[in-house]
Amino acid sequence: MKPIDASGTAPADSSAEILLVGDVMLDRYFQGKCDRISPEAPVPVLHVRNTFDRPGGAANVAVNVAAMGCRPRLVGAVGSDPAAARLRAVLEADGAPGEGLVASPAVTTTTKNRLLAAHQQIARFDEETPLTDADVRRRMIARIDEILGTARLAIISDYAKGVCDSAVCRTVIEGATRRGLPIVVDPKDADFTKYAGATVITPNRMEAAAVVGRSLRDPDDAIRAAREIRERWPIEAVVVTLGEQGLVLVTSDRVAMIPTQAKQVYDVTGAGDTFVATLAAALTQGMDLERACGVANVAAGLQVSRIGTARITWSEVMEEIDRQSTASLGKVLTVPDLLRVVQRARSEGKRIGFTNGCFDILHHGHVALLEAAARECDFLVVGLNSDASVRRLKGPPRPFLPSAARQSVLAGLSSVACVCEFDDDTPLELIRAIGPDVLVKGGDYSANAVVGADIVTARGGRVVTPLFVPGVSTTNIADRIAAAARDR
């Protein structure tokens, strides 16, 4: 997979309209404590402490599209009932108005009622009637044709509640294709014929297995299934989501496997909706499909770490990508990466410390200094003289150890947060760039003689010279080793 970066903080065009057609529903949550079994039947008793409503199904996709900075134009069917009024209210509150929803007394607004004890669902009961009203479908098709004229992308969010029949899907796909718009499909129907011609389809493991008629045990099985789906229907790209095994992407010329992102799963509700919404937003930004899938995968990982359907914003996704990138860098950083890491640490309220040196043959004096420096701050950055810099300062045959080795040894110390090489004779420019809160040097330096002291104190920081371990230095160690070798 290509690396994901967090360049940009919002979609390029926040006014981008996305047509979204699908089965909308209201998700109702009853949250409380469960600590006994009913005397009337062998069922748990939930003491409800809190209730809340959220948009579900295609409505959840809509609010996530809005959270990504785009403008969802939602088309679906609702009843003339209190649940419909409540759904419109929560959609409006989440920035995804439901003016495209078609109301009919012949329709029951789909409502999923979930009972939560702590972070776990213990039961769910649904209220729904599949859509069969031909007049409602005709009205939806008219709205789809109208919205396609200004849309940048189309989404079909099929929850198999009757909205996304063949006529509706063909209207979306054929109309979008004529206008050159990408079409993203989140399917539920096992007959993919109505989705033929879509740009991207995103079945999960069970949905893909139902289509190809066999179980998918691992990513290799999913890749074979995705290829079969592409061959049977003219769909440009197939993304099979595999839960804890990540996802696979298959197009005509590439296969990508993207690992899962979730650290701790509290509730998988809405993860697919979040994935589709983020994928669509990323595609409107002009991202290539593989990178867009990676970004969407991060968003889905954020979703499952929360309770119920939740709005995941574009900025949250970018921050998570940035955090993951930072974590994957390790301790040895280039200057640009170091500045990014320092900025994050500072935003978390951490005091940034800095010290520097050649650290050529690391000895107990170095270790004592670094431990003392770490006690003066929350995040210790060590500036390391490059090989050329050491050679200029110390003369041949220094350094005894190359920079890569010295960096590796320093990075292995728990006292050190980050290591960054500099090529100048002094770390002045690095100090200027970092702006540390604490500047640390050994006790053999006076505070006013420490390079960069004026920069740090001018911005309210401190200069600390905590200790000096006498009788130990790299030169002394090297001399003793050389003398021992001569005496053999």
Protein backbone atom coordinates (compact mmCIF):
# COMPACT_ATOMS: atom_id res chain seq x y z
CA MET A 1 0.00 0.00 0.00
CA LYS A 2 1.21 3.52 -0.75
CA PRO A 3 1.98 5.59 2.36
CA ILE A 4 -0.88 7.79 3.52
CA ASP A 5 -0.05 11.34 4.47
CA ALA A 6 -2.15 13.93 6.20
CA SER A 7 -1.61 16.74 3.73
CA GLY A 8 -4.57 19.08 3.82
CA THR A 9 -7.13 19.44 6.58
CA ALA A 10 -10.36 19.33 4.57
CA PRO A 11 -11.58 18.23 1.17
CA ALA A 12 -10.37 20.53 -1.58
CA ASP A 13 -13.88 21.76 -2.37
CA SER A 14 -16.09 21.77 0.69
CA SER A 15 -19.11 22.67 -1.46
CA ALA A 16 -18.84 19.43 -3.45
CA GLU A 17 -22.30 17.87 -3.72
CA ILE A 18 -22.62 14.11 -3.35
CA LEU A 19 -25.82 12.38 -4.41
CA LEU A 20 -26.68 9.73 -1.83
CA VAL A 21 -29.49 7.27 -2.52
CA GLY A 22 -30.42 4.57 -0.05
CA ASP A 23 -32.37 3.16 2.85
CA VAL A 24 -32.51 5.65 5.68
CA MET A 25 -33.31 4.69 9.24
CA LEU A 26 -33.41 6.02 12.76
CA ASP A 27 -31.09 4.43 15.31
CA ARG A 28 -32.42 4.67 18.87
CA TYR A 29 -30.21 3.79 21.83
CA PHE A 30 -31.27 2.89 25.37
CA GLN A 31 -28.16 2.87 27.53
CA GLY A 32 -27.88 1.78 31.11
CA LYS A 33 -26.80 -0.80 33.64
CA CYS A 34 -27.57 -4.50 33.63
CA ASP A 35 -26.90 -6.40 36.85
CA ARG A 36 -29.75 -8.87 37.30
CA ILE A 37 -31.95 -11.37 35.50
CA SER A 38 -35.69 -10.84 35.25
CA PRO A 39 -37.79 -13.04 37.59
CA GLU A 40 -40.40 -13.21 34.81
CA ALA A 41 -38.14 -14.83 32.18
CA PRO A 42 -34.45 -15.72 31.74
CA VAL A 43 -33.57 -12.32 30.28
CA PRO A 44 -31.36 -9.49 31.58
CA VAL A 45 -33.00 -6.39 33.05
CA LEU A 46 -31.64 -3.09 31.73
CA HIS A 47 -31.91 -0.06 34.00
CA VAL A 48 -32.06 2.72 31.40
CA ARG A 49 -30.04 5.79 32.35
CA ASN A 50 -29.78 7.52 28.97
CA THR A 51 -31.49 7.52 25.57
CA PHE A 52 -30.32 9.10 22.33
CA ASP A 53 -31.15 9.02 18.63
CA ARG A 54 -28.81 9.01 15.65
CA PRO A 55 -29.22 8.74 11.89
CA GLY A 56 -28.74 5.18 10.61
CA GLY A 57 -28.20 3.42 7.31
CA ALA A 58 -27.92 5.82 4.37
CA ALA A 59 -28.75 8.66 6.78
CA ASN A 60 -25.58 7.82 8.71
CA VAL A 61 -23.61 7.90 5.46
CA ALA A 62 -25.08 11.36 4.85
CA VAL A 63 -23.98 12.82 8.19
CA ASN A 64 -20.50 11.37 7.70
CA VAL A 65 -20.33 12.90 4.21
CA ALA A 66 -21.24 16.23 5.82
CA ALA A 67 -18.60 15.73 8.52
CA MET A 68 -16.03 15.20 5.76
CA GLY A 69 -16.78 18.70 4.49
CA CYS A 70 -18.91 17.77 1.50
CA ARG A 71 -22.61 18.46 0.89
CA PRO A 72 -24.81 15.34 0.94
CA ARG A 73 -27.97 15.36 -1.19
CA LEU A 74 -29.89 12.50 0.37
CA VAL A 75 -32.72 10.69 -1.43
CA GLY A 76 -34.73 7.99 0.36
CA ALA A 77 -38.15 7.07 1.71
CA VAL A 78 -39.71 7.67 5.12
CA GLY A 79 -43.15 7.32 6.63
CA SER A 80 -45.54 9.98 7.83
CA ASP A 81 -44.80 9.04 11.43
CA PRO A 82 -43.02 10.40 14.52
CA ALA A 83 -39.86 8.44 13.67
CA ALA A 84 -39.62 10.30 10.34
CA ALA A 85 -39.91 13.66 12.09
CA ARG A 86 -37.23 12.63 14.58
CA LEU A 87 -34.95 11.40 11.80
CA ARG A 88 -35.28 14.70 9.93
CA ALA A 89 -34.41 16.55 13.15
CA VAL A 90 -31.24 14.57 13.86
CA LEU A 91 -30.19 14.84 10.20
CA GLU A 92 -30.62 18.62 10.34
CA ALA A 93 -28.65 18.78 13.59
CA ASP A 94 -25.79 16.87 11.99
CA GLY A 95 -25.60 19.10 8.92
CA ALA A 96 -27.32 16.73 6.47
CA PRO A 97 -30.82 18.11 5.75
CA GLY A 98 -33.36 15.54 4.58
CA GLU A 99 -35.19 17.65 2.00
CA GLY A 100 -34.73 14.85 -0.56
CA LEU A 101 -36.58 12.28 1.55
CA VAL A 102 -39.93 11.22 0.12
CA ALA A 103 -42.66 10.74 2.73
CA SER A 104 -45.62 8.41 2.36
CA PRO A 105 -48.21 7.04 4.81
CA ALA A 106 -47.68 3.67 3.11
CA VAL A 107 -44.11 3.56 4.42
CA THR A 108 -42.92 2.80 7.94
CA THR A 109 -39.75 4.69 8.85
CA THR A 110 -37.18 2.01 9.63
CA THR A 111 -36.18 2.26 13.30
CA LYS A 112 -33.56 0.14 15.02
CA ASN A 113 -33.81 0.14 18.80
CA ARG A 114 -30.64 -0.96 20.58
CA LEU A 115 -30.26 -1.79 24.27
CA LEU A 116 -26.78 -1.09 25.63
CA ALA A 117 -25.33 -2.27 28.92
CA ALA A 118 -22.09 -0.34 29.42
CA HIS A 119 -20.44 -0.62 25.98
CA GLN A 120 -22.19 -3.76 24.76
CA GLN A 121 -25.45 -4.36 22.90
CA ILE A 122 -27.59 -6.87 24.76
CA ALA A 123 -30.62 -6.74 22.45
CA ARG A 124 -32.08 -5.00 19.41
CA PHE A 125 -35.62 -4.73 18.08
CA ASP A 126 -36.56 -3.24 14.71
CA GLU A 127 -39.61 -1.51 13.28
CA GLU A 128 -39.75 -1.54 9.49
CA THR A 129 -41.81 -2.22 6.40
CA PRO A 130 -39.96 -2.80 3.09
CA LEU A 131 -40.80 -0.20 0.44
CA THR A 132 -43.25 -1.43 -2.20
CA ASP A 133 -44.91 1.85 -3.18
CA ALA A 134 -44.28 2.50 -6.92
CA ASP A 135 -45.32 6.17 -6.60
CA VAL A 136 -42.65 6.77 -3.93
CA ARG A 137 -40.03 5.28 -6.26
CA ARG A 138 -41.14 7.50 -9.15
CA ARG A 139 -40.81 10.57 -6.94
CA MET A 140 -37.35 9.44 -5.80
CA ILE A 141 -36.21 8.90 -9.42
CA ALA A 142 -37.34 12.43 -10.31
CA ARG A 143 -35.26 13.83 -7.46
CA ILE A 144 -32.25 11.73 -8.45
CA ASP A 145 -32.35 13.12 -12.01
CA GLU A 146 -32.53 16.65 -10.64
CA ILE A 147 -29.62 16.28 -8.19
CA LEU A 148 -27.32 14.51 -10.67
CA GLY A 149 -27.07 17.78 -12.59
CA THR A 150 -24.95 19.38 -9.86
CA ALA A 151 -23.40 16.38 -8.08
CA ARG A 152 -19.70 15.48 -8.13
CA LEU A 153 -20.15 11.85 -7.12
CA ALA A 154 -22.97 9.38 -6.44
CA ILE A 155 -23.37 6.85 -3.63
CA ILE A 156 -25.83 3.97 -3.45
CA SER A 157 -26.28 2.80 0.16
CA ASP A 158 -28.40 -0.33 -0.12
CA TYR A 159 -29.69 -1.82 3.14
CA ALA A 160 -32.18 -4.11 1.38
CA LYS A 161 -35.21 -2.22 2.70
CA GLY A 162 -36.70 -1.70 -0.77
CA VAL A 163 -35.43 1.73 -1.82
CA CYS A 164 -32.57 0.51 -4.00
CA ASP A 165 -34.44 -1.62 -6.49
CA SER A 166 -33.17 -2.15 -10.01
CA ALA A 167 -34.93 0.91 -11.46
CA VAL A 168 -33.51 3.27 -8.83
CA CYS A 169 -29.98 1.83 -9.07
CA ARG A 170 -29.97 1.96 -12.88
CA THR A 171 -31.17 5.59 -12.76
CA VAL A 172 -28.26 6.51 -10.51
CA ILE A 173 -25.56 4.54 -12.33
CA GLU A 174 -26.61 5.38 -15.89
CA GLY A 175 -27.23 9.03 -15.09
CA ALA A 176 -23.90 9.41 -13.28
CA THR A 177 -22.04 7.56 -16.04
CA ARG A 178 -23.44 9.93 -18.71
CA ARG A 179 -22.10 12.85 -16.68
CA GLY A 180 -18.72 11.23 -15.98
CA LEU A 181 -19.33 10.97 -12.23
CA PRO A 182 -17.84 8.24 -10.02
CA ILE A 183 -20.36 5.86 -8.43
CA VAL A 184 -19.68 4.17 -5.07
CA VAL A 185 -21.95 1.29 -4.07
CA ASP A 186 -22.35 -0.24 -0.61
CA PRO A 187 -24.36 -3.39 -1.47
CA LYS A 188 -26.70 -5.66 0.42
CA ASP A 189 -28.45 -7.47 -2.43
CA ALA A 190 -26.77 -10.71 -3.54
CA ASP A 191 -27.75 -9.96 -7.16
CA PHE A 192 -25.12 -7.47 -8.32
CA THR A 193 -26.76 -7.03 -11.72
CA LYS A 194 -28.43 -3.80 -10.61
CA TYR A 195 -25.01 -2.43 -9.56
CA ALA A 196 -23.31 -3.17 -12.91
CA GLY A 197 -21.30 -0.26 -14.25
CA ALA A 198 -20.45 1.23 -10.85
CA THR A 199 -16.99 2.69 -10.24
CA VAL A 200 -16.42 1.06 -6.84
CA ILE A 201 -18.38 -1.54 -4.91
CA THR A 202 -17.62 -2.30 -1.26
CA PRO A 203 -19.09 -5.63 -0.11
CA ASN A 204 -18.07 -7.01 3.26
CA ARG A 205 -16.89 -10.60 3.70
CA MET A 206 -20.40 -12.08 4.04
CA GLU A 207 -21.82 -10.09 1.12
CA ALA A 208 -18.98 -11.06 -1.20
CA ALA A 209 -19.24 -14.69 -0.11
CA ALA A 210 -22.96 -14.71 -0.87
CA VAL A 211 -22.31 -13.41 -4.38
CA VAL A 212 -19.59 -15.92 -5.31
CA GLY A 213 -21.16 -18.81 -3.42
CA ARG A 214 -18.29 -19.79 -1.13
CA SER A 215 -16.77 -18.71 2.18
CA LEU A 216 -13.88 -16.24 2.32
CA ARG A 217 -11.45 -17.37 5.00
CA ASP A 218 -8.59 -14.99 4.33
CA PRO A 219 -7.48 -12.07 2.12
CA ASP A 220 -6.40 -14.43 -0.68
CA ASP A 221 -9.95 -15.80 -0.86
CA ALA A 222 -11.26 -12.23 -0.90
CA ILE A 223 -8.96 -11.28 -3.77
CA ARG A 224 -10.22 -14.21 -5.83
CA ALA A 225 -13.81 -13.25 -5.05
CA ALA A 226 -13.18 -9.62 -5.99
CA ARG A 227 -11.70 -10.67 -9.32
CA GLU A 228 -14.72 -12.86 -10.00
CA ILE A 229 -17.10 -9.99 -9.20
CA ARG A 230 -15.22 -7.73 -11.62
CA GLU A 231 -15.41 -10.35 -14.35
CA ARG A 232 -19.14 -11.04 -13.92
CA TRP A 233 -20.20 -7.38 -13.79
CA PRO A 234 -18.44 -4.39 -15.39
CA ILE A 235 -17.42 -2.74 -12.13
CA GLU A 236 -14.11 -0.86 -12.19
CA ALA A 237 -12.95 -1.67 -8.65
CA VAL A 238 -14.01 -4.09 -5.92
CA VAL A 239 -13.18 -3.46 -2.26
CA VAL A 240 -13.89 -6.37 0.08
CA THR A 241 -13.82 -5.41 3.76
CA LEU A 242 -12.72 -8.21 6.09
CA GLY A 243 -13.08 -6.83 9.62
CA GLU A 244 -10.00 -7.65 11.69
CA GLN A 245 -8.20 -8.85 8.51
CA GLY A 246 -8.41 -5.41 6.92
CA LEU A 247 -9.56 -5.08 3.31
CA VAL A 248 -8.53 -5.89 -0.22
CA LEU A 249 -8.78 -3.68 -3.30
CA VAL A 250 -8.84 -5.19 -6.78
CA THR A 251 -8.88 -3.25 -10.05
CA SER A 252 -7.94 -4.18 -13.59
CA ASP A 253 -4.26 -3.50 -12.98
CA ARG A 254 -3.58 -3.80 -9.25
CA VAL A 255 -4.28 -5.61 -6.03
CA ALA A 256 -3.80 -3.97 -2.63
CA MET A 257 -4.16 -5.39 0.87
CA ILE A 258 -4.76 -2.82 3.60
CA PRO A 259 -4.58 -3.89 7.26
CA THR A 260 -7.23 -3.11 9.85
CA GLN A 261 -6.94 0.13 11.84
CA ALA A 262 -9.00 -0.46 14.99
CA LYS A 263 -7.06 -0.53 18.27
CA GLN A 264 -10.06 -1.43 20.46
CA VAL A 265 -13.49 -2.32 19.12
CA TYR A 266 -16.47 -1.10 21.13
CA ASP A 267 -19.20 -1.17 18.48
CA VAL A 268 -19.04 -2.05 14.77
CA THR A 269 -22.33 -0.22 14.07
CA GLY A 270 -21.89 2.22 11.19
CA ALA A 271 -18.31 1.30 10.29
CA GLY A 272 -19.29 0.50 6.70
CA ASP A 273 -21.19 3.79 6.41
CA THR A 274 -18.17 5.71 7.62
CA PHE A 275 -15.91 3.84 5.20
CA VAL A 276 -18.13 4.66 2.22
CA ALA A 277 -18.60 8.33 3.19
CA THR A 278 -14.87 8.87 3.66
CA LEU A 279 -14.01 7.02 0.46
CA ALA A 280 -16.41 9.26 -1.45
CA ALA A 281 -15.03 12.44 0.13
CA ALA A 282 -11.45 11.37 -0.64
CA LEU A 283 -12.35 10.65 -4.27
CA THR A 284 -13.89 14.11 -4.65
CA GLN A 285 -10.52 15.44 -3.47
CA GLY A 286 -8.84 13.77 -6.42
CA MET A 287 -7.10 11.03 -4.42
CA ASP A 288 -6.26 7.85 -6.27
CA LEU A 289 -8.41 4.89 -5.24
CA GLU A 290 -5.80 3.04 -3.19
CA ARG A 291 -4.96 6.05 -1.07
CA ALA A 292 -8.67 6.89 -0.71
CA CYS A 293 -9.30 3.36 0.59
CA GLY A 294 -6.48 3.76 3.09
CA VAL A 295 -7.97 7.02 4.38
CA ALA A 296 -11.45 5.45 4.57
CA ASN A 297 -10.01 2.50 6.47
CA VAL A 298 -8.58 4.85 9.10
CA ALA A 299 -11.99 6.52 9.47
CA ALA A 300 -13.72 3.16 9.92
CA GLY A 301 -11.17 2.29 12.62
CA LEU A 302 -12.13 5.45 14.48
CA GLN A 303 -15.81 4.58 14.14
CA VAL A 304 -15.63 1.15 15.74
CA SER A 305 -13.79 2.57 18.74
CA ARG A 306 -16.93 4.56 19.64
CA ILE A 307 -20.42 3.65 20.81
CA GLY A 308 -23.11 3.63 18.14
CA THR A 309 -23.06 5.51 14.87
CA ALA A 310 -20.90 8.62 15.21
CA ARG A 311 -19.85 11.53 13.03
CA ILE A 312 -16.21 11.12 12.05
CA THR A 313 -14.75 14.37 10.72
CA TRP A 314 -12.13 14.82 8.05
CA SER A 315 -9.83 16.59 10.51
CA GLU A 316 -10.10 13.66 12.94
CA VAL A 317 -9.09 11.26 10.19
CA MET A 318 -6.14 13.44 9.19
CA GLU A 319 -5.03 13.73 12.82
CA GLU A 320 -5.19 9.95 13.23
CA ILE A 321 -3.17 9.42 10.05
CA ASP A 322 -0.64 11.93 11.33
CA ARG A 323 -0.48 10.15 14.70
CA GLN A 324 0.02 6.77 13.07
CA SER A 325 2.70 8.15 10.78
CA THR A 326 4.48 9.63 13.76
CA ALA A 327 4.31 6.37 15.69
CA SER A 328 5.68 4.41 12.73
CA LEU A 329 8.72 6.67 12.39
CA GLY A 330 10.42 5.39 15.53
CA LYS A 331 12.83 7.57 17.47
CA VAL A 332 15.37 8.46 14.78
CA LEU A 333 13.89 11.35 12.79
CA THR A 334 14.73 13.78 10.04
CA VAL A 335 14.28 17.47 10.85
CA PRO A 336 10.84 17.80 9.16
CA ASP A 337 9.55 14.69 10.94
CA LEU A 338 11.04 15.85 14.23
CA LEU A 339 9.29 19.22 13.99
CA ARG A 340 5.98 17.46 13.38
CA VAL A 341 6.51 15.15 16.38
CA VAL A 342 7.57 18.05 18.62
CA GLN A 343 4.52 20.05 17.59
CA ARG A 344 2.26 17.15 18.54
CA ALA A 345 4.01 16.63 21.87
CA ARG A 346 3.73 20.33 22.65
CA SER A 347 0.02 20.33 21.76
CA GLU A 348 -0.39 17.59 24.37
CA GLY A 349 1.07 19.90 27.00
CA LYS A 350 4.51 18.29 27.15
CA ARG A 351 7.65 20.27 28.00
CA ILE A 352 10.24 19.84 25.26
CA GLY A 353 13.85 19.30 26.34
CA PHE A 354 16.95 19.35 24.14
CA THR A 355 20.54 18.26 24.53
CA ASN A 356 23.22 17.42 22.02
CA GLY A 357 26.60 15.83 21.53
CA CYS A 358 28.74 13.45 19.52
CA PHE A 359 27.99 10.47 21.77
CA ASP A 360 30.87 8.57 20.19
CA ILE A 361 31.24 5.38 22.27
CA LEU A 362 28.34 5.88 24.65
CA HIS A 363 29.49 5.64 28.28
CA HIS A 364 27.98 5.92 31.76
CA GLY A 365 28.62 9.67 31.86
CA HIS A 366 26.45 10.09 28.76
CA VAL A 367 23.75 7.88 30.25
CA ALA A 368 23.74 9.82 33.52
CA LEU A 369 23.47 13.13 31.64
CA LEU A 370 20.58 11.90 29.47
CA GLU A 371 18.70 10.55 32.48
CA ALA A 372 19.19 13.87 34.30
CA ALA A 373 18.03 15.75 31.18
CA ALA A 374 14.91 13.59 30.89
CA ARG A 375 13.97 14.47 34.48
CA GLU A 376 13.95 18.15 33.52
CA CYS A 377 11.32 17.75 30.78
CA ASP A 378 8.58 15.52 29.42
CA PHE A 379 10.01 14.90 25.95
CA LEU A 380 13.77 14.82 25.43
CA VAL A 381 15.19 15.45 21.96
CA VAL A 382 18.85 14.57 21.38
CA GLY A 383 20.72 16.37 18.63
CA LEU A 384 23.53 14.19 17.25
CA ASN A 385 26.58 15.51 15.39
CA SER A 386 26.91 13.91 11.95
CA ASP A 387 30.07 12.01 11.04
CA ALA A 388 31.38 15.04 9.11
CA SER A 389 30.61 17.33 12.03
CA VAL A 390 32.42 15.03 14.51
CA ARG A 391 35.40 14.80 12.18
CA ARG A 392 35.67 18.59 12.00
CA LEU A 393 35.34 19.00 15.76
CA LYS A 394 37.45 16.07 16.99
CA GLY A 395 39.78 15.30 14.12
CA PRO A 396 40.75 11.85 12.79
CA PRO A 397 40.15 9.03 13.61
CA ARG A 398 36.88 10.28 15.08
CA PRO A 399 34.15 9.29 15.01
CA PHE A 400 34.91 5.77 16.14
CA LEU A 401 31.32 4.78 15.42
CA PRO A 402 29.29 5.92 12.37
CA SER A 403 26.23 8.08 12.84
CA ALA A 404 23.77 5.24 12.20
CA ALA A 405 25.28 3.20 15.03
CA ARG A 406 25.33 6.15 17.40
CA GLN A 407 21.70 6.97 16.57
CA SER A 408 20.65 3.38 17.18
CA VAL A 409 22.30 3.24 20.62
CA LEU A 410 20.74 6.54 21.71
CA ALA A 411 17.31 5.49 20.45
CA GLY A 412 17.53 2.41 22.66
CA LEU A 413 17.58 4.51 25.84
CA SER A 414 14.28 5.02 27.63
CA SER A 415 15.30 8.54 28.61
CA VAL A 416 15.48 9.62 24.94
CA ALA A 417 12.26 10.48 23.05
CA CYS A 418 13.81 11.37 19.68
CA VAL A 419 17.20 11.53 17.98
CA CYS A 420 17.97 13.91 15.13
CA GLU A 421 21.27 14.29 13.28
CA PHE A 422 22.64 17.74 12.41
CA ASP A 423 25.57 18.50 10.12
CA ASP A 424 26.65 21.92 11.39
CA ASP A 425 29.37 22.36 13.99
CA THR A 426 26.74 23.46 16.52
CA PRO A 427 23.04 22.62 16.95
CA LEU A 428 22.05 26.29 16.84
CA GLU A 429 19.71 26.02 13.83
CA LEU A 430 18.12 22.86 15.19
CA ILE A 431 17.49 24.58 18.53
CA ARG A 432 16.04 27.57 16.72
CA ALA A 433 13.67 25.30 14.76
CA ILE A 434 12.54 23.24 17.78
CA GLY A 435 12.28 26.07 20.33
CA PRO A 436 12.82 23.78 23.36
CA ASP A 437 11.44 24.68 26.77
CA VAL A 438 14.52 23.26 28.48
CA LEU A 439 18.09 23.24 27.13
CA VAL A 440 20.40 20.78 28.89
CA LYS A 441 24.21 20.41 28.84
CA GLY A 442 26.70 18.76 31.16
CA GLY A 443 27.88 20.42 34.36
CA ASP A 444 31.26 21.21 32.78
CA TYR A 445 29.49 24.03 30.87
CA SER A 446 28.38 27.33 32.34
CA ALA A 447 24.79 28.20 31.45
CA ASN A 448 25.73 31.31 29.45
CA ALA A 449 28.23 29.32 27.38
CA VAL A 450 25.67 26.80 26.14
CA VAL A 451 24.92 27.18 22.42
CA GLY A 452 21.34 28.35 21.94
CA ALA A 453 20.90 29.53 25.54
CA ASP A 454 19.88 33.01 24.43
CA ILE A 455 17.18 31.60 22.11
CA VAL A 456 15.68 29.41 24.81
CA THR A 457 15.72 32.00 27.59
CA ALA A 458 14.31 34.69 25.27
CA ARG A 459 11.15 32.60 24.84
CA GLY A 460 10.82 31.92 28.55
CA GLY A 461 12.67 28.59 28.65
CA ARG A 462 15.36 27.32 31.01
CA VAL A 463 19.00 26.34 30.57
CA VAL A 464 20.07 23.51 32.88
CA THR A 465 23.55 22.07 33.53
CA PRO A 466 22.61 19.27 35.89
CA LEU A 467 25.80 17.30 36.41
CA PHE A 468 29.25 16.32 35.26
CA VAL A 469 30.77 12.88 35.74
CA PRO A 470 34.52 13.44 36.14
CA GLY A 471 37.19 11.14 34.80
CA VAL A 472 35.15 9.66 32.00
CA SER A 473 35.12 10.68 28.34
CA THR A 474 35.17 9.02 24.96
CA THR A 475 38.78 10.15 24.46
CA ASN A 476 39.88 8.63 27.79
CA ILE A 477 38.12 5.36 27.01
CA ALA A 478 39.69 5.20 23.55
CA ASP A 479 43.13 5.96 24.99
CA ARG A 480 42.83 3.19 27.58
CA ILE A 481 41.74 0.72 24.93
CA ALA A 482 44.70 1.70 22.74
CA ALA A 483 47.13 1.45 25.68
CA ALA A 484 45.81 -1.99 26.60
CA ALA A 485 46.29 -3.14 23.04
CA ARG A 486 49.91 -1.88 23.00
CA ASP A 487 50.69 -3.66 26.29
CA ARG A 488 49.66 -7.07 25.02
